[in-house]
């Protein structure tokens, strides 16, 4: 079985454990938030390519230390009534990775899900589905970064048999498929290649998410992309 299939199977196994609870929570959320689905003409009703361009422009401003967002009180009253984020970002929990800063976006512009290793967990997937289905985000981005400690830990577990305490083995389990695929390629920089592969695998997992994300992608309403943020330069690039 391929690593992406292994990744999908793992997601399904977790769904089997708490599927009933998730279904009940989703139903309650749907009932509570049905009226908040963005109507045509909402501020974030823009093509995916336009949303991606806004992130690229914001990242260039950030890297050049010329941010446009400096007044965070602007439109505070409007934000209290509704939100129209232009993108959902699945990023690492690393303290050096702050998507709103990296892409120079103000409050209400990004819907961010963060987890060490930036992989699609069950709860994270539900959050991203919420952003797509109810908030109408036109873009979903999986953002990895240089020097990722979670990926480095997964490499040590696989190559050196390192044993980790607590719940950390569960975290590493989700990162192993990407690390295994990278090891097979024998790259000069295993950490960098495993980080890229992890992004690619999770982009594929989101694109295949039925029915929410996959259907939105098929209708051209949403685009799923992956990128790597270079901590040393401040620049993010697509992979």
Foldseek 3Di string as FASTA:
>chain_A
DALLVVLVVVQVVVCVVCVVVVVVVVVVCCVVQVVQADDPPPPLQDFQVVLVVLQQVQLVCLLVVNAPDDDQCPCVVVVVVHAAAQEEEQEEPPPLDDSCSNSRHHPRHYHYDYHQLSADHNVNLVSVLCCCGRNLHAEYEREAEPPRPLLVVLLCCVPVVDDDDDCSVVSSVSLNSLLVVLVVVVDPDSSVSSRLSRQVSRLVVQCPDPPRRVVCVVVSSHDYWYWYQYSVRSHIDTD
